[in-house]
Amino acid sequence: MRDDIMSYLDNIAIDNNIRVIWEHFDPYTPPGSSYDDMCVVMNLDWHNKDELVFQYAHELSHIIRGDRTDLFFYNTLHSNKTGIEYETNLVAVRLLVPFYCNDTDIKDINVYDFIDRYCIPEYLADVVKSEITKFFNDRNKNKHYVLY
């Protein structure tokens, strides 16, 4: 499963001309990105491998959003609900939702499974619910879905 989602994110990087470097660092050295270099650097030795999917989506999102600030190895609190990091988290969730939902019926969708699977910060639960609902409503124009 992890290989599939990472390949999916690799394809997003390719489609957006983003170079991705996976390198060995200290287990607590966070990933980073540089818009000017159109490059993401990921840490192969990150202490919690389960977090790599969301980290990767997040760093790609910085570049997709056009964040010009050099965010290379920038670290921030997960609970920040404002500013660049929050907006980037929103885009990262949007990147992951189609992969999670594409071959799944809405009755089988679980917001908290999505959050757990991709190690998304809990404070983004409403964002996840909203983005999943939007995905299904966009896919099925003749129906209106609401997740609870």
Protein backbone atom coordinates (compact mmCIF):
# COMPACT_ATOMS: atom_id res chain seq x y z
CA MET A 1 0.00 0.00 0.00
CA ARG A 2 2.75 2.47 0.93
CA ASP A 3 4.49 1.90 -2.40
CA ASP A 4 1.28 2.68 -4.29
CA ILE A 5 0.70 6.01 -2.55
CA MET A 6 4.37 6.96 -2.89
CA SER A 7 4.24 6.17 -6.62
CA TYR A 8 1.09 8.28 -6.86
CA LEU A 9 2.91 11.20 -5.19
CA ASP A 10 5.98 10.61 -7.40
CA ASN A 11 3.71 11.06 -10.42
CA ILE A 12 2.38 14.33 -9.00
CA ALA A 13 5.99 15.48 -8.62
CA ILE A 14 6.77 14.49 -12.22
CA ASP A 15 3.62 16.20 -13.54
CA ASN A 16 4.67 19.40 -11.77
CA ASN A 17 8.36 19.22 -12.74
CA ILE A 18 9.40 18.82 -9.12
CA ARG A 19 12.69 17.08 -8.42
CA VAL A 20 12.59 14.81 -5.37
CA ILE A 21 15.68 13.77 -3.45
CA TRP A 22 15.55 11.04 -0.83
CA GLU A 23 18.60 11.27 1.40
CA HIS A 24 19.88 9.86 4.70
CA PHE A 25 19.81 12.37 7.57
CA ASP A 26 19.49 12.33 11.31
CA PRO A 27 16.11 10.69 12.18
CA TYR A 28 14.77 14.03 13.44
CA THR A 29 15.83 16.19 10.49
CA PRO A 30 12.56 17.22 8.83
CA PRO A 31 12.00 17.22 5.08
CA GLY A 32 12.02 20.47 3.15
CA SER A 33 11.32 22.10 -0.16
CA SER A 34 12.56 24.95 -2.30
CA TYR A 35 10.31 26.58 -4.87
CA ASP A 36 13.24 28.34 -6.57
CA ASP A 37 14.93 24.98 -7.12
CA MET A 38 11.63 23.11 -7.73
CA CYS A 39 12.95 20.49 -5.35
CA VAL A 40 11.79 18.47 -2.36
CA VAL A 41 14.25 16.75 -0.03
CA MET A 42 12.91 13.86 2.02
CA ASN A 43 14.60 12.08 4.92
CA LEU A 44 14.94 8.31 4.36
CA ASP A 45 15.76 7.86 8.05
CA TRP A 46 12.80 9.79 9.51
CA HIS A 47 12.04 8.38 12.96
CA ASN A 48 8.37 7.67 12.13
CA LYS A 49 8.14 6.10 8.65
CA ASP A 50 4.32 6.28 8.77
CA GLU A 51 4.54 10.09 8.58
CA LEU A 52 6.45 10.09 5.28
CA VAL A 53 3.35 10.04 3.05
CA PHE A 54 1.85 13.20 4.52
CA GLN A 55 5.28 14.86 4.75
CA TYR A 56 5.87 14.14 1.07
CA ALA A 57 2.43 15.46 0.07
CA HIS A 58 3.03 18.52 2.27
CA GLU A 59 6.41 19.36 0.72
CA LEU A 60 5.06 18.87 -2.81
CA SER A 61 2.21 21.20 -1.86
CA HIS A 62 4.61 24.00 -0.94
CA ILE A 63 5.91 24.00 -4.48
CA ILE A 64 2.52 23.43 -6.13
CA ARG A 65 1.19 26.43 -4.18
CA GLY A 66 4.14 28.51 -5.36
CA ASP A 67 5.51 29.24 -1.88
CA ARG A 68 8.51 31.38 -2.66
CA THR A 69 9.90 31.41 0.86
CA ASP A 70 12.80 29.06 1.25
CA LEU A 71 11.26 26.42 3.46
CA PHE A 72 14.13 24.00 3.30
CA PHE A 73 14.22 22.10 6.57
CA TYR A 74 11.71 24.50 8.07
CA ASN A 75 10.00 23.11 11.15
CA THR A 76 6.70 24.29 12.58
CA LEU A 77 4.15 23.21 15.14
CA HIS A 78 1.52 20.76 13.84
CA SER A 79 -1.30 22.67 15.52
CA ASN A 80 -0.75 25.87 13.54
CA LYS A 81 -4.08 26.69 11.86
CA THR A 82 -2.93 29.82 10.06
CA GLY A 83 -0.38 30.86 7.54
CA ILE A 84 1.71 29.05 4.98
CA GLU A 85 1.94 25.72 6.80
CA TYR A 86 -1.83 25.42 7.31
CA GLU A 87 -2.59 26.34 3.69
CA THR A 88 0.01 23.82 2.56
CA ASN A 89 -1.59 21.15 4.74
CA LEU A 90 -4.93 21.83 3.02
CA VAL A 91 -3.35 21.25 -0.39
CA ALA A 92 -1.59 18.11 0.89
CA VAL A 93 -4.95 16.67 2.02
CA ARG A 94 -6.39 17.54 -1.42
CA LEU A 95 -3.55 15.62 -3.06
CA LEU A 96 -4.19 12.51 -0.96
CA VAL A 97 -8.00 12.39 -1.09
CA PRO A 98 -8.32 11.13 -4.70
CA PHE A 99 -5.91 8.26 -4.04
CA TYR A 100 -7.83 7.24 -0.92
CA CYS A 101 -11.31 7.63 -2.40
CA ASN A 102 -10.99 6.78 -6.07
CA ASP A 103 -11.91 3.08 -5.95
CA THR A 104 -13.98 3.24 -2.76
CA ASP A 105 -17.69 3.66 -2.22
CA ILE A 106 -18.59 6.56 0.05
CA LYS A 107 -20.25 4.20 2.53
CA ASP A 108 -16.83 2.63 3.11
CA ILE A 109 -15.06 5.95 3.71
CA ASN A 110 -13.90 6.78 7.21
CA VAL A 111 -12.38 10.19 7.89
CA TYR A 112 -10.43 8.88 10.87
CA ASP A 113 -9.08 5.93 8.88
CA PHE A 114 -7.76 8.49 6.34
CA ILE A 115 -6.20 10.55 9.15
CA ASP A 116 -4.62 7.48 10.76
CA ARG A 117 -3.44 5.96 7.48
CA TYR A 118 -1.54 9.08 6.41
CA CYS A 119 -0.64 10.45 9.88
CA ILE A 120 -2.52 13.67 9.28
CA PRO A 121 -2.74 15.98 12.30
CA GLU A 122 -6.12 15.57 14.06
CA TYR A 123 -6.84 19.30 13.86
CA LEU A 124 -7.34 18.80 10.10
CA ALA A 125 -10.30 16.40 10.59
CA ASP A 126 -12.82 18.97 9.35
CA VAL A 127 -10.64 19.67 6.32
CA VAL A 128 -10.44 15.95 5.55
CA LYS A 129 -14.21 15.58 5.89
CA SER A 130 -14.80 18.58 3.65
CA GLU A 131 -12.33 17.44 0.96
CA ILE A 132 -13.68 13.88 0.89
CA THR A 133 -17.24 15.20 0.62
CA LYS A 134 -16.16 17.53 -2.20
CA PHE A 135 -14.47 14.63 -4.00
CA PHE A 136 -17.63 12.52 -4.00
CA ASN A 137 -19.92 15.42 -4.86
CA ASP A 138 -17.68 16.40 -7.80
CA ARG A 139 -17.53 12.79 -8.99
CA ASN A 140 -21.29 12.23 -8.71
CA LYS A 141 -22.92 15.47 -9.85
CA ASN A 142 -26.42 14.01 -9.59
CA LYS A 143 -26.09 13.21 -5.86
CA HIS A 144 -25.29 15.27 -2.81
CA TYR A 145 -23.20 13.62 -0.12
CA VAL A 146 -22.64 14.74 3.45
CA LEU A 147 -20.17 12.98 5.74
CA TYR A 148 -20.82 12.94 9.46
